[in-house]
């Protein structure tokens, strides 16, 4: 689950170093999961947001 986040952060870092982008990572589009029984997962904004 964290590979997608790491890839986006790596691209953002390289963009900032190269000066070709703002290095933004949209954390709302990265899924999250809690490994319990039963498993819980989510992506995007919460109902309150």
PDB file of N, CA and C in Angstrom:
ATOM      1  N   UNK A   1       0.812  -1.193   0.000  1.00  0.00           N
ATOM      2  CA  UNK A   1       0.000   0.000   0.000  1.00  0.00           C
ATOM      3  C   UNK A   1       0.858   1.261   0.000  1.00  0.00           C
ATOM      4  N   UNK A   2       2.039   1.204   0.560  1.00  0.00           N
ATOM      5  CA  UNK A   2       2.855   2.412   0.635  1.00  0.00           C
ATOM      6  C   UNK A   2       3.728   2.624  -0.591  1.00  0.00           C
ATOM      7  N   UNK A   3       3.789   1.656  -1.505  1.00  0.00           N
ATOM      8  CA  UNK A   3       4.619   1.806  -2.699  1.00  0.00           C
ATOM      9  C   UNK A   3       4.123   2.946  -3.576  1.00  0.00           C
ATOM     10  N   UNK A   4       2.809   3.114  -3.692  1.00  0.00           N
ATOM     11  CA  UNK A   4       2.261   4.199  -4.505  1.00  0.00           C
ATOM     12  C   UNK A   4       2.636   5.556  -3.917  1.00  0.00           C
ATOM     13  N   UNK A   5       2.556   5.670  -2.598  1.00  0.00           N
ATOM     14  CA  UNK A   5       2.905   6.918  -1.913  1.00  0.00           C
ATOM     15  C   UNK A   5       4.390   7.220  -2.089  1.00  0.00           C
ATOM     16  N   UNK A   6       5.231   6.218  -1.927  1.00  0.00           N
ATOM     17  CA  UNK A   6       6.669   6.410  -2.071  1.00  0.00           C
ATOM     18  C   UNK A   6       7.033   6.832  -3.486  1.00  0.00           C
ATOM     19  N   UNK A   7       6.371   6.244  -4.483  1.00  0.00           N
ATOM     20  CA  UNK A   7       6.640   6.614  -5.873  1.00  0.00           C
ATOM     21  C   UNK A   7       6.266   8.072  -6.133  1.00  0.00           C
ATOM     22  N   UNK A   8       5.101   8.492  -5.664  1.00  0.00           N
ATOM     23  CA  UNK A   8       4.662   9.879  -5.861  1.00  0.00           C
ATOM     24  C   UNK A   8       5.593  10.858  -5.148  1.00  0.00           C
ATOM     25  N   UNK A   9       6.026  10.520  -3.936  1.00  0.00           N
ATOM     26  CA  UNK A   9       6.937  11.394  -3.203  1.00  0.00           C
ATOM     27  C   UNK A   9       8.303  11.455  -3.874  1.00  0.00           C
ATOM     28  N   UNK A  10       8.758  10.339  -4.452  1.00  0.00           N
ATOM     29  CA  UNK A  10      10.022  10.332  -5.183  1.00  0.00           C
ATOM     30  C   UNK A  10       9.976  11.216  -6.407  1.00  0.00           C
ATOM     31  N   UNK A  11       8.883  11.138  -7.151  1.00  0.00           N
ATOM     32  CA  UNK A  11       8.719  11.984  -8.337  1.00  0.00           C
ATOM     33  C   UNK A  11       8.674  13.453  -7.928  1.00  0.00           C
ATOM     34  N   UNK A  12       7.948  13.761  -6.854  1.00  0.00           N
ATOM     35  CA  UNK A  12       7.864  15.141  -6.375  1.00  0.00           C
ATOM     36  C   UNK A  12       9.240  15.664  -5.972  1.00  0.00           C
ATOM     37  N   UNK A  13      10.033  14.831  -5.327  1.00  0.00           N
ATOM     38  CA  UNK A  13      11.379  15.220  -4.908  1.00  0.00           C
ATOM     39  C   UNK A  13      12.270  15.521  -6.108  1.00  0.00           C
ATOM     40  N   UNK A  14      12.234  14.658  -7.105  1.00  0.00           N
ATOM     41  CA  UNK A  14      13.046  14.858  -8.309  1.00  0.00           C
ATOM     42  C   UNK A  14      12.607  16.116  -9.048  1.00  0.00           C
ATOM     43  N   UNK A  15      11.297  16.359  -9.124  1.00  0.00           N
ATOM     44  CA  UNK A  15      10.801  17.576  -9.774  1.00  0.00           C
ATOM     45  C   UNK A  15      11.333  18.824  -9.075  1.00  0.00           C
ATOM     46  N   UNK A  16      11.332  18.812  -7.744  1.00  0.00           N
ATOM     47  CA  UNK A  16      11.829  19.974  -7.005  1.00  0.00           C
ATOM     48  C   UNK A  16      13.328  20.165  -7.199  1.00  0.00           C
ATOM     49  N   UNK A  17      14.087  19.082  -7.181  1.00  0.00           N
ATOM     50  CA  UNK A  17      15.535  19.171  -7.368  1.00  0.00           C
ATOM     51  C   UNK A  17      15.866  19.680  -8.765  1.00  0.00           C
ATOM     52  N   UNK A  18      15.140  19.173  -9.777  1.00  0.00           N
ATOM     53  CA  UNK A  18      15.396  19.567 -11.162  1.00  0.00           C
ATOM     54  C   UNK A  18      14.802  20.929 -11.495  1.00  0.00           C
ATOM     55  N   UNK A  19      13.923  21.426 -10.644  1.00  0.00           N
ATOM     56  CA  UNK A  19      13.307  22.721 -10.890  1.00  0.00           C
ATOM     57  C   UNK A  19      12.286  22.713 -12.011  1.00  0.00           C
ATOM     58  N   UNK A  20      11.680  21.551 -12.273  1.00  0.00           N
ATOM     59  CA  UNK A  20      10.715  21.445 -13.375  1.00  0.00           C
ATOM     60  C   UNK A  20       9.277  21.310 -12.889  1.00  0.00           C
ATOM     61  N   UNK A  21       9.056  21.340 -11.617  1.00  0.00           N
ATOM     62  CA  UNK A  21       7.699  21.200 -11.095  1.00  0.00           C
ATOM     63  C   UNK A  21       7.630  21.690  -9.674  1.00  0.00           C
ATOM     64  N   UNK A  22       6.431  21.686  -9.142  1.00  0.00           N
ATOM     65  CA  UNK A  22       6.243  22.162  -7.777  1.00  0.00           C
ATOM     66  C   UNK A  22       6.412  21.064  -6.742  1.00  0.00           C
ATOM     67  N   UNK A  23       6.503  19.810  -7.185  1.00  0.00           N
ATOM     68  CA  UNK A  23       6.704  18.699  -6.263  1.00  0.00           C
ATOM     69  C   UNK A  23       5.516  18.421  -5.375  1.00  0.00           C
ATOM     70  N   UNK A  24       4.323  18.498  -5.925  1.00  0.00           N
ATOM     71  CA  UNK A  24       3.096  18.314  -5.144  1.00  0.00           C
ATOM     72  C   UNK A  24       2.674  16.847  -5.135  1.00  0.00           C
ATOM     73  N   UNK A  25       2.269  16.356  -3.965  1.00  0.00           N
ATOM     74  CA  UNK A  25       1.700  15.020  -3.820  1.00  0.00           C
ATOM     75  C   UNK A  25       0.282  15.182  -3.289  1.00  0.00           C
ATOM     76  N   UNK A  26      -0.699  14.650  -4.008  1.00  0.00           N
ATOM     77  CA  UNK A  26      -2.095  14.726  -3.583  1.00  0.00           C
ATOM     78  C   UNK A  26      -2.388  13.522  -2.689  1.00  0.00           C
ATOM     79  N   UNK A  27      -2.325  13.733  -1.389  1.00  0.00           N
ATOM     80  CA  UNK A  27      -2.512  12.636  -0.440  1.00  0.00           C
ATOM     81  C   UNK A  27      -3.956  12.144  -0.380  1.00  0.00           C
ATOM     82  N   UNK A  28      -4.902  12.913  -0.909  1.00  0.00           N
ATOM     83  CA  UNK A  28      -6.301  12.477  -0.911  1.00  0.00           C
ATOM     84  C   UNK A  28      -6.546  11.330  -1.883  1.00  0.00           C
ATOM     85  N   UNK A  29      -5.662  11.150  -2.858  1.00  0.00           N
ATOM     86  CA  UNK A  29      -5.854  10.087  -3.847  1.00  0.00           C
ATOM     87  C   UNK A  29      -5.070   8.821  -3.509  1.00  0.00           C
ATOM     88  N   UNK A  30      -4.347   8.835  -2.401  1.00  0.00           N
ATOM     89  CA  UNK A  30      -3.555   7.673  -2.000  1.00  0.00           C
ATOM     90  C   UNK A  30      -4.383   6.839  -1.025  1.00  0.00           C
ATOM     91  N   UNK A  31      -4.631   5.578  -1.345  1.00  0.00           N
ATOM     92  CA  UNK A  31      -5.455   4.749  -0.456  1.00  0.00           C
ATOM     93  C   UNK A  31      -4.761   4.461   0.871  1.00  0.00           C
ATOM     94  N   UNK A  32      -5.564   4.204   1.884  1.00  0.00           N
ATOM     95  CA  UNK A  32      -5.031   3.815   3.187  1.00  0.00           C
ATOM     96  C   UNK A  32      -5.745   2.553   3.639  1.00  0.00           C
ATOM     97  N   UNK A  33      -5.068   1.797   4.482  1.00  0.00           N
ATOM     98  CA  UNK A  33      -5.652   0.542   4.948  1.00  0.00           C
ATOM     99  C   UNK A  33      -5.183   0.277   6.377  1.00  0.00           C
ATOM    100  N   UNK A  34      -6.047  -0.347   7.156  1.00  0.00           N
ATOM    101  CA  UNK A  34      -5.703  -0.802   8.503  1.00  0.00           C
ATOM    102  C   UNK A  34      -5.854  -2.321   8.494  1.00  0.00           C
ATOM    103  N   UNK A  35      -4.756  -3.031   8.749  1.00  0.00           N
ATOM    104  CA  UNK A  35      -4.776  -4.493   8.687  1.00  0.00           C
ATOM    105  C   UNK A  35      -5.262  -5.066  10.015  1.00  0.00           C
ATOM    106  N   UNK A  36      -6.566  -5.124  10.165  1.00  0.00           N
ATOM    107  CA  UNK A  36      -7.204  -5.727  11.326  1.00  0.00           C
ATOM    108  C   UNK A  36      -8.162  -6.790  10.816  1.00  0.00           C
ATOM    109  N   UNK A  37      -8.923  -7.358  11.706  1.00  0.00           N
ATOM    110  CA  UNK A  37      -9.954  -8.302  11.259  1.00  0.00           C
ATOM    111  C   UNK A  37     -11.297  -7.789  11.726  1.00  0.00           C
ATOM    112  N   UNK A  38     -12.149  -7.286  10.903  1.00  0.00           N
ATOM    113  CA  UNK A  38     -12.046  -7.180   9.444  1.00  0.00           C
ATOM    114  C   UNK A  38     -11.154  -6.006   9.038  1.00  0.00           C
ATOM    115  N   UNK A  39     -10.620  -6.059   7.816  1.00  0.00           N
ATOM    116  CA  UNK A  39      -9.772  -4.992   7.306  1.00  0.00           C
ATOM    117  C   UNK A  39     -10.599  -3.744   7.024  1.00  0.00           C
ATOM    118  N   UNK A  40      -9.957  -2.589   7.185  1.00  0.00           N
ATOM    119  CA  UNK A  40     -10.597  -1.303   6.917  1.00  0.00           C
ATOM    120  C   UNK A  40      -9.748  -0.578   5.885  1.00  0.00           C
ATOM    121  N   UNK A  41     -10.380  -0.027   4.852  1.00  0.00           N
ATOM    122  CA  UNK A  41      -9.650   0.710   3.823  1.00  0.00           C
ATOM    123  C   UNK A  41     -10.444   1.940   3.431  1.00  0.00           C
ATOM    124  N   UNK A  42      -9.747   2.918   2.861  1.00  0.00           N
ATOM    125  CA  UNK A  42     -10.425   4.123   2.415  1.00  0.00           C
ATOM    126  C   UNK A  42      -9.564   4.909   1.455  1.00  0.00           C
ATOM    127  N   UNK A  43     -10.214   5.797   0.701  1.00  0.00           N
ATOM    128  CA  UNK A  43      -9.513   6.700  -0.205  1.00  0.00           C
ATOM    129  C   UNK A  43     -10.375   7.940  -0.371  1.00  0.00           C
ATOM    130  N   UNK A  44      -9.743   9.086  -0.500  1.00  0.00           N
ATOM    131  CA  UNK A  44     -10.499  10.319  -0.699  1.00  0.00           C
ATOM    132  C   UNK A  44     -10.865  10.997   0.607  1.00  0.00           C
ATOM    133  N   UNK A  45     -11.847  11.876   0.516  1.00  0.00           N
ATOM    134  CA  UNK A  45     -12.261  12.668   1.669  1.00  0.00           C
ATOM    135  C   UNK A  45     -13.250  11.896   2.546  1.00  0.00           C
ATOM    136  N   UNK A  46     -13.260  12.273   3.815  1.00  0.00           N
ATOM    137  CA  UNK A  46     -14.230  11.680   4.731  1.00  0.00           C
ATOM    138  C   UNK A  46     -15.566  12.399   4.591  1.00  0.00           C
ATOM    139  N   UNK A  47     -16.583  11.874   5.209  1.00  0.00           N
ATOM    140  CA  UNK A  47     -17.909  12.487   5.131  1.00  0.00           C
ATOM    141  C   UNK A  47     -17.893  13.898   5.731  1.00  0.00           C
ATOM    142  N   UNK A  48     -17.117  14.114   6.793  1.00  0.00           N
ATOM    143  CA  UNK A  48     -17.031  15.429   7.419  1.00  0.00           C
ATOM    144  C   UNK A  48     -16.319  16.447   6.533  1.00  0.00           C
ATOM    145  N   UNK A  49     -15.319  15.991   5.760  1.00  0.00           N
ATOM    146  CA  UNK A  49     -14.554  16.900   4.898  1.00  0.00           C
ATOM    147  C   UNK A  49     -15.372  17.317   3.703  1.00  0.00           C
TER     148      UNK A  49
END
